[in-house]
PDB file of all heavy atoms in Angstrom:
ATOM      1  N   ASP A   1      13.329  -9.874  14.641  1.00  0.00           N
ATOM      2  CA  ASP A   1      12.621  -8.730  14.093  1.00  0.00           C
ATOM      3  C   ASP A   1      11.187  -9.141  13.792  1.00  0.00           C
ATOM      4  O   ASP A   1      10.824 -10.316  13.886  1.00  0.00           O
ATOM      5  CB  ASP A   1      13.307  -8.175  12.839  1.00  0.00           C
ATOM      6  CG  ASP A   1      13.487  -9.214  11.741  1.00  0.00           C
ATOM      7  OD1 ASP A   1      12.766 -10.240  11.741  1.00  0.00           O
ATOM      8  OD2 ASP A   1      14.350  -9.027  10.873  1.00  0.00           O
ATOM      9  N   MET A   2      10.363  -8.154  13.484  1.00  0.00           N
ATOM     10  CA  MET A   2       8.973  -8.421  13.143  1.00  0.00           C
ATOM     11  C   MET A   2       8.587  -7.519  11.983  1.00  0.00           C
ATOM     12  O   MET A   2       8.941  -6.344  11.961  1.00  0.00           O
ATOM     13  CB  MET A   2       8.055  -8.160  14.334  1.00  0.00           C
ATOM     14  CG  MET A   2       6.583  -8.496  14.072  1.00  0.00           C
ATOM     15  SD  MET A   2       5.633  -7.096  13.431  1.00  0.00           S
ATOM     16  CE  MET A   2       5.290  -6.226  14.946  1.00  0.00           C
ATOM     17  N   PHE A   3       7.908  -8.093  10.984  1.00  0.00           N
ATOM     18  CA  PHE A   3       7.399  -7.248   9.916  1.00  0.00           C
ATOM     19  C   PHE A   3       5.895  -7.424   9.774  1.00  0.00           C
ATOM     20  O   PHE A   3       5.336  -8.460  10.136  1.00  0.00           O
ATOM     21  CB  PHE A   3       8.120  -7.523   8.586  1.00  0.00           C
ATOM     22  CG  PHE A   3       7.660  -8.743   7.842  1.00  0.00           C
ATOM     23  CD1 PHE A   3       6.652  -8.655   6.893  1.00  0.00           C
ATOM     24  CD2 PHE A   3       8.254  -9.978   8.062  1.00  0.00           C
ATOM     25  CE1 PHE A   3       6.238  -9.777   6.184  1.00  0.00           C
ATOM     26  CE2 PHE A   3       7.846 -11.100   7.364  1.00  0.00           C
ATOM     27  CZ  PHE A   3       6.828 -11.003   6.419  1.00  0.00           C
ATOM     28  N   ASN A   4       5.271  -6.372   9.250  1.00  0.00           N
ATOM     29  CA  ASN A   4       3.827  -6.362   9.059  1.00  0.00           C
ATOM     30  C   ASN A   4       3.552  -6.315   7.559  1.00  0.00           C
ATOM     31  O   ASN A   4       3.933  -5.352   6.894  1.00  0.00           O
ATOM     32  CB  ASN A   4       3.219  -5.144   9.756  1.00  0.00           C
ATOM     33  CG  ASN A   4       1.701  -5.178   9.770  1.00  0.00           C
ATOM     34  OD1 ASN A   4       1.070  -5.727   8.888  1.00  0.00           O
ATOM     35  ND2 ASN A   4       1.120  -4.574  10.791  1.00  0.00           N
ATOM     36  N   HIS A   5       2.901  -7.338   7.041  1.00  0.00           N
ATOM     37  CA  HIS A   5       2.684  -7.434   5.598  1.00  0.00           C
ATOM     38  C   HIS A   5       1.531  -6.536   5.122  1.00  0.00           C
ATOM     39  O   HIS A   5       1.421  -6.228   3.934  1.00  0.00           O
ATOM     40  CB  HIS A   5       2.403  -8.881   5.207  1.00  0.00           C
ATOM     41  CG  HIS A   5       2.906  -9.248   3.856  1.00  0.00           C
ATOM     42  ND1 HIS A   5       2.555  -8.575   2.711  1.00  0.00           N
ATOM     43  CD2 HIS A   5       3.747 -10.242   3.455  1.00  0.00           C
ATOM     44  CE1 HIS A   5       3.157  -9.122   1.672  1.00  0.00           C
ATOM     45  NE2 HIS A   5       3.890 -10.131   2.088  1.00  0.00           N
ATOM     46  N   ASN A   6       0.653  -6.154   6.049  1.00  0.00           N
ATOM     47  CA  ASN A   6      -0.474  -5.246   5.804  1.00  0.00           C
ATOM     48  C   ASN A   6      -1.579  -5.799   4.897  1.00  0.00           C
ATOM     49  O   ASN A   6      -2.742  -5.755   5.258  1.00  0.00           O
ATOM     50  CB  ASN A   6       0.009  -3.887   5.292  1.00  0.00           C
ATOM     51  CG  ASN A   6       0.504  -3.024   6.440  1.00  0.00           C
ATOM     52  OD1 ASN A   6      -0.246  -2.686   7.334  1.00  0.00           O
ATOM     53  ND2 ASN A   6       1.804  -2.711   6.422  1.00  0.00           N
ATOM     54  N   PHE A   7      -1.293  -6.283   3.697  1.00  0.00           N
ATOM     55  CA  PHE A   7      -2.288  -6.867   2.796  1.00  0.00           C
ATOM     56  C   PHE A   7      -3.558  -6.008   2.643  1.00  0.00           C
ATOM     57  O   PHE A   7      -4.683  -6.493   2.848  1.00  0.00           O
ATOM     58  CB  PHE A   7      -2.685  -8.271   3.259  1.00  0.00           C
ATOM     59  CG  PHE A   7      -1.612  -9.306   3.111  1.00  0.00           C
ATOM     60  CD1 PHE A   7      -1.129  -9.983   4.227  1.00  0.00           C
ATOM     61  CD2 PHE A   7      -1.077  -9.606   1.869  1.00  0.00           C
ATOM     62  CE1 PHE A   7      -0.130 -10.946   4.101  1.00  0.00           C
ATOM     63  CE2 PHE A   7      -0.085 -10.573   1.736  1.00  0.00           C
ATOM     64  CZ  PHE A   7       0.398 -11.241   2.851  1.00  0.00           C
ATOM     65  N   PRO A   8      -3.427  -4.733   2.273  1.00  0.00           N
ATOM     66  CA  PRO A   8      -4.638  -3.941   2.051  1.00  0.00           C
ATOM     67  C   PRO A   8      -5.375  -4.394   0.792  1.00  0.00           C
ATOM     68  O   PRO A   8      -4.765  -4.737  -0.214  1.00  0.00           O
ATOM     69  CB  PRO A   8      -4.089  -2.518   1.877  1.00  0.00           C
ATOM     70  CG  PRO A   8      -2.714  -2.721   1.325  1.00  0.00           C
ATOM     71  CD  PRO A   8      -2.198  -3.974   1.991  1.00  0.00           C
ATOM     72  N   VAL A   9      -6.687  -4.416   0.869  1.00  0.00           N
ATOM     73  CA  VAL A   9      -7.546  -4.676  -0.294  1.00  0.00           C
ATOM     74  C   VAL A   9      -8.662  -3.632  -0.208  1.00  0.00           C
ATOM     75  O   VAL A   9      -9.777  -3.932   0.228  1.00  0.00           O
ATOM     76  CB  VAL A   9      -8.114  -6.106  -0.290  1.00  0.00           C
ATOM     77  CG1 VAL A   9      -8.917  -6.383  -1.561  1.00  0.00           C
ATOM     78  CG2 VAL A   9      -6.996  -7.142  -0.152  1.00  0.00           C
ATOM     79  N   ILE A  10      -8.360  -2.394  -0.587  1.00  0.00           N
ATOM     80  CA  ILE A  10      -9.273  -1.273  -0.350  1.00  0.00           C
ATOM     81  C   ILE A  10     -10.365  -1.264  -1.414  1.00  0.00           C
ATOM     82  O   ILE A  10     -10.106  -1.017  -2.591  1.00  0.00           O
ATOM     83  CB  ILE A  10      -8.513   0.057  -0.336  1.00  0.00           C
ATOM     84  CG1 ILE A  10      -7.371   0.015   0.698  1.00  0.00           C
ATOM     85  CG2 ILE A  10      -9.462   1.211  -0.016  1.00  0.00           C
ATOM     86  CD1 ILE A  10      -6.501   1.265   0.713  1.00  0.00           C
ATOM     87  N   ASP A  11     -11.574  -1.566  -0.973  1.00  0.00           N
ATOM     88  CA  ASP A  11     -12.740  -1.636  -1.860  1.00  0.00           C
ATOM     89  C   ASP A  11     -12.508  -2.568  -3.047  1.00  0.00           C
ATOM     90  O   ASP A  11     -13.040  -2.351  -4.145  1.00  0.00           O
ATOM     91  CB  ASP A  11     -13.134  -0.238  -2.349  1.00  0.00           C
ATOM     92  CG  ASP A  11     -13.669   0.629  -1.213  1.00  0.00           C
ATOM     93  OD1 ASP A  11     -14.329   0.076  -0.317  1.00  0.00           O
ATOM     94  OD2 ASP A  11     -13.417   1.852  -1.218  1.00  0.00           O
ATOM     95  N   LYS A  12     -11.689  -3.591  -2.826  1.00  0.00           N
ATOM     96  CA  LYS A  12     -11.416  -4.641  -3.817  1.00  0.00           C
ATOM     97  C   LYS A  12     -10.829  -4.101  -5.122  1.00  0.00           C
ATOM     98  O   LYS A  12     -10.951  -4.721  -6.179  1.00  0.00           O
ATOM     99  CB  LYS A  12     -12.688  -5.445  -4.106  1.00  0.00           C
ATOM    100  CG  LYS A  12     -13.276  -6.140  -2.881  1.00  0.00           C
ATOM    101  CD  LYS A  12     -14.514  -6.933  -3.220  1.00  0.00           C
ATOM    102  CE  LYS A  12     -15.087  -7.593  -1.972  1.00  0.00           C
ATOM    103  NZ  LYS A  12     -16.316  -8.379  -2.269  1.00  0.00           N
ATOM    104  N   GLU A  13     -10.170  -2.962  -5.045  1.00  0.00           N
ATOM    105  CA  GLU A  13      -9.568  -2.365  -6.231  1.00  0.00           C
ATOM    106  C   GLU A  13      -8.320  -3.133  -6.644  1.00  0.00           C
ATOM    107  O   GLU A  13      -7.440  -3.377  -5.824  1.00  0.00           O
ATOM    108  CB  GLU A  13      -9.190  -0.905  -5.961  1.00  0.00           C
ATOM    109  CG  GLU A  13      -8.594  -0.169  -7.138  1.00  0.00           C
ATOM    110  CD  GLU A  13      -9.593   0.062  -8.269  1.00  0.00           C
ATOM    111  OE1 GLU A  13     -10.814   0.012  -8.016  1.00  0.00           O
ATOM    112  OE2 GLU A  13      -9.141   0.296  -9.412  1.00  0.00           O
ATOM    113  N   PRO A  14      -8.210  -3.561  -7.908  1.00  0.00           N
ATOM    114  CA  PRO A  14      -6.990  -4.255  -8.351  1.00  0.00           C
ATOM    115  C   PRO A  14      -5.802  -3.309  -8.329  1.00  0.00           C
ATOM    116  O   PRO A  14      -5.944  -2.088  -8.413  1.00  0.00           O
ATOM    117  CB  PRO A  14      -7.339  -4.694  -9.773  1.00  0.00           C
ATOM    118  CG  PRO A  14      -8.427  -3.776 -10.209  1.00  0.00           C
ATOM    119  CD  PRO A  14      -9.209  -3.452  -8.978  1.00  0.00           C
ATOM    120  N   THR A  15      -4.622  -3.869  -8.217  1.00  0.00           N
ATOM    121  CA  THR A  15      -3.400  -3.067  -8.169  1.00  0.00           C
ATOM    122  C   THR A  15      -3.161  -2.407  -9.518  1.00  0.00           C
ATOM    123  O   THR A  15      -3.016  -3.083 -10.539  1.00  0.00           O
ATOM    124  CB  THR A  15      -2.197  -3.939  -7.793  1.00  0.00           C
ATOM    125  OG1 THR A  15      -2.475  -4.596  -6.543  1.00  0.00           O
ATOM    126  CG2 THR A  15      -0.944  -3.101  -7.644  1.00  0.00           C
ATOM    127  N   GLY A  16      -3.136  -1.077  -9.516  1.00  0.00           N
ATOM    128  CA  GLY A  16      -2.976  -0.318 -10.745  1.00  0.00           C
ATOM    129  C   GLY A  16      -2.942   1.165 -10.450  1.00  0.00           C
ATOM    130  O   GLY A  16      -2.724   1.578  -9.296  1.00  0.00           O
ATOM    131  N   PRO A  17      -3.164   2.024 -11.445  1.00  0.00           N
ATOM    132  CA  PRO A  17      -3.046   3.473 -11.279  1.00  0.00           C
ATOM    133  C   PRO A  17      -3.951   4.080 -10.210  1.00  0.00           C
ATOM    134  O   PRO A  17      -3.670   5.187  -9.729  1.00  0.00           O
ATOM    135  CB  PRO A  17      -3.414   4.002 -12.674  1.00  0.00           C
ATOM    136  CG  PRO A  17      -3.044   2.898 -13.605  1.00  0.00           C
ATOM    137  CD  PRO A  17      -3.375   1.647 -12.863  1.00  0.00           C
ATOM    138  N   ASN A  18      -5.030   3.388  -9.815  1.00  0.00           N
ATOM    139  CA  ASN A  18      -5.908   3.922  -8.775  1.00  0.00           C
ATOM    140  C   ASN A  18      -5.353   3.721  -7.361  1.00  0.00           C
ATOM    141  O   ASN A  18      -5.911   4.250  -6.396  1.00  0.00           O
ATOM    142  CB  ASN A  18      -7.293   3.283  -8.863  1.00  0.00           C
ATOM    143  CG  ASN A  18      -8.074   3.755 -10.073  1.00  0.00           C
ATOM    144  OD1 ASN A  18      -7.963   4.909 -10.477  1.00  0.00           O
ATOM    145  ND2 ASN A  18      -8.856   2.862 -10.669  1.00  0.00           N
ATOM    146  N   ILE A  19      -4.271   2.954  -7.240  1.00  0.00           N
ATOM    147  CA  ILE A  19      -3.667   2.682  -5.931  1.00  0.00           C
ATOM    148  C   ILE A  19      -2.417   3.544  -5.764  1.00  0.00           C
ATOM    149  O   ILE A  19      -1.553   3.579  -6.637  1.00  0.00           O
ATOM    150  CB  ILE A  19      -3.308   1.189  -5.790  1.00  0.00           C
ATOM    151  CG1 ILE A  19      -4.585   0.334  -5.882  1.00  0.00           C
ATOM    152  CG2 ILE A  19      -2.581   0.934  -4.491  1.00  0.00           C
ATOM    153  CD1 ILE A  19      -5.599   0.587  -4.785  1.00  0.00           C
ATOM    154  N   LYS A  20      -2.331   4.232  -4.623  1.00  0.00           N
ATOM    155  CA  LYS A  20      -1.194   5.117  -4.350  1.00  0.00           C
ATOM    156  C   LYS A  20      -0.697   4.906  -2.921  1.00  0.00           C
ATOM    157  O   LYS A  20      -1.485   4.657  -2.008  1.00  0.00           O
ATOM    158  CB  LYS A  20      -1.610   6.581  -4.525  1.00  0.00           C
ATOM    159  CG  LYS A  20      -0.512   7.589  -4.193  1.00  0.00           C
ATOM    160  CD  LYS A  20      -1.043   9.013  -4.104  1.00  0.00           C
ATOM    161  CE  LYS A  20      -1.419   9.556  -5.448  1.00  0.00           C
ATOM    162  NZ  LYS A  20      -1.738  11.019  -5.374  1.00  0.00           N
ATOM    163  N   PHE A  21       0.632   5.051  -2.743  1.00  0.00           N
ATOM    164  CA  PHE A  21       1.247   4.984  -1.418  1.00  0.00           C
ATOM    165  C   PHE A  21       2.030   6.266  -1.169  1.00  0.00           C
ATOM    166  O   PHE A  21       2.758   6.741  -2.054  1.00  0.00           O
ATOM    167  CB  PHE A  21       2.169   3.765  -1.309  1.00  0.00           C
ATOM    168  CG  PHE A  21       1.414   2.464  -1.309  1.00  0.00           C
ATOM    169  CD1 PHE A  21       1.008   1.885  -2.496  1.00  0.00           C
ATOM    170  CD2 PHE A  21       1.084   1.850  -0.122  1.00  0.00           C
ATOM    171  CE1 PHE A  21       0.284   0.706  -2.509  1.00  0.00           C
ATOM    172  CE2 PHE A  21       0.361   0.661  -0.116  1.00  0.00           C
ATOM    173  CZ  PHE A  21      -0.040   0.092  -1.315  1.00  0.00           C
ATOM    174  N   ILE A  22       1.898   6.819   0.033  1.00  0.00           N
ATOM    175  CA  ILE A  22       2.538   8.076   0.385  1.00  0.00           C
ATOM    176  C   ILE A  22       3.373   7.881   1.647  1.00  0.00           C
ATOM    177  O   ILE A  22       2.894   7.324   2.649  1.00  0.00           O
ATOM    178  CB  ILE A  22       1.498   9.187   0.609  1.00  0.00           C
ATOM    179  CG1 ILE A  22       0.568   9.310  -0.600  1.00  0.00           C
ATOM    180  CG2 ILE A  22       2.185  10.523   0.883  1.00  0.00           C
ATOM    181  CD1 ILE A  22      -0.618  10.224  -0.374  1.00  0.00           C
ATOM    182  N   PHE A  23       4.629   8.349   1.623  1.00  0.00           N
ATOM    183  CA  PHE A  23       5.562   8.218   2.738  1.00  0.00           C
ATOM    184  C   PHE A  23       5.992   9.613   3.215  1.00  0.00           C
ATOM    185  O   PHE A  23       5.828  10.599   2.492  1.00  0.00           O
ATOM    186  CB  PHE A  23       6.785   7.401   2.302  1.00  0.00           C
ATOM    187  CG  PHE A  23       6.437   6.045   1.746  1.00  0.00           C
ATOM    188  CD1 PHE A  23       6.182   5.873   0.389  1.00  0.00           C
ATOM    189  CD2 PHE A  23       6.347   4.943   2.577  1.00  0.00           C
ATOM    190  CE1 PHE A  23       5.844   4.636  -0.131  1.00  0.00           C
ATOM    191  CE2 PHE A  23       6.014   3.697   2.072  1.00  0.00           C
ATOM    192  CZ  PHE A  23       5.760   3.539   0.713  1.00  0.00           C
ATOM    193  N   PRO A  24       6.563   9.730   4.401  1.00  0.00           N
ATOM    194  CA  PRO A  24       6.997  11.039   4.903  1.00  0.00           C
ATOM    195  C   PRO A  24       8.384  11.435   4.411  1.00  0.00           C
ATOM    196  O   PRO A  24       8.918  12.462   4.824  1.00  0.00           O
ATOM    197  CB  PRO A  24       6.992  10.832   6.419  1.00  0.00           C
ATOM    198  CG  PRO A  24       7.319   9.389   6.601  1.00  0.00           C
ATOM    199  CD  PRO A  24       6.663   8.687   5.438  1.00  0.00           C
ATOM    200  N   PHE A  25       8.990  10.634   3.550  1.00  0.00           N
ATOM    201  CA  PHE A  25      10.336  10.896   3.045  1.00  0.00           C
ATOM    202  C   PHE A  25      10.368  10.619   1.541  1.00  0.00           C
ATOM    203  O   PHE A  25       9.501   9.909   1.008  1.00  0.00           O
ATOM    204  CB  PHE A  25      11.380  10.023   3.757  1.00  0.00           C
ATOM    205  CG  PHE A  25      11.029   8.556   3.757  1.00  0.00           C
ATOM    206  CD1 PHE A  25      11.377   7.722   2.697  1.00  0.00           C
ATOM    207  CD2 PHE A  25      10.345   7.987   4.827  1.00  0.00           C
ATOM    208  CE1 PHE A  25      11.051   6.382   2.685  1.00  0.00           C
ATOM    209  CE2 PHE A  25      10.007   6.631   4.836  1.00  0.00           C
ATOM    210  CZ  PHE A  25      10.360   5.833   3.762  1.00  0.00           C
ATOM    211  N   ASP A  26      11.336  11.178   0.856  1.00  0.00           N
ATOM    212  CA  ASP A  26      11.521  10.874  -0.562  1.00  0.00           C
ATOM    213  C   ASP A  26      11.982   9.430  -0.682  1.00  0.00           C
ATOM    214  O   ASP A  26      13.029   9.053  -0.147  1.00  0.00           O
ATOM    215  CB  ASP A  26      12.561  11.813  -1.183  1.00  0.00           C
ATOM    216  CG  ASP A  26      12.029  13.224  -1.363  1.00  0.00           C
ATOM    217  OD1 ASP A  26      10.794  13.385  -1.489  1.00  0.00           O
ATOM    218  OD2 ASP A  26      12.827  14.178  -1.351  1.00  0.00           O
ATOM    219  N   VAL A  27      11.201   8.632  -1.374  1.00  0.00           N
ATOM    220  CA  VAL A  27      11.418   7.196  -1.399  1.00  0.00           C
ATOM    221  C   VAL A  27      12.102   6.779  -2.703  1.00  0.00           C
ATOM    222  O   VAL A  27      11.840   7.344  -3.768  1.00  0.00           O
ATOM    223  CB  VAL A  27      10.077   6.448  -1.207  1.00  0.00           C
ATOM    224  CG1 VAL A  27       9.121   6.721  -2.358  1.00  0.00           C
ATOM    225  CG2 VAL A  27      10.286   4.956  -1.058  1.00  0.00           C
TER     226      VAL A  27
END
């Protein structure tokens, strides 16, 4: 198998309430 770790660092924002993830299904 293969997985993609992605490692986003969007505008160097620390992980917290300003970071959101959206999926096409109820997660």
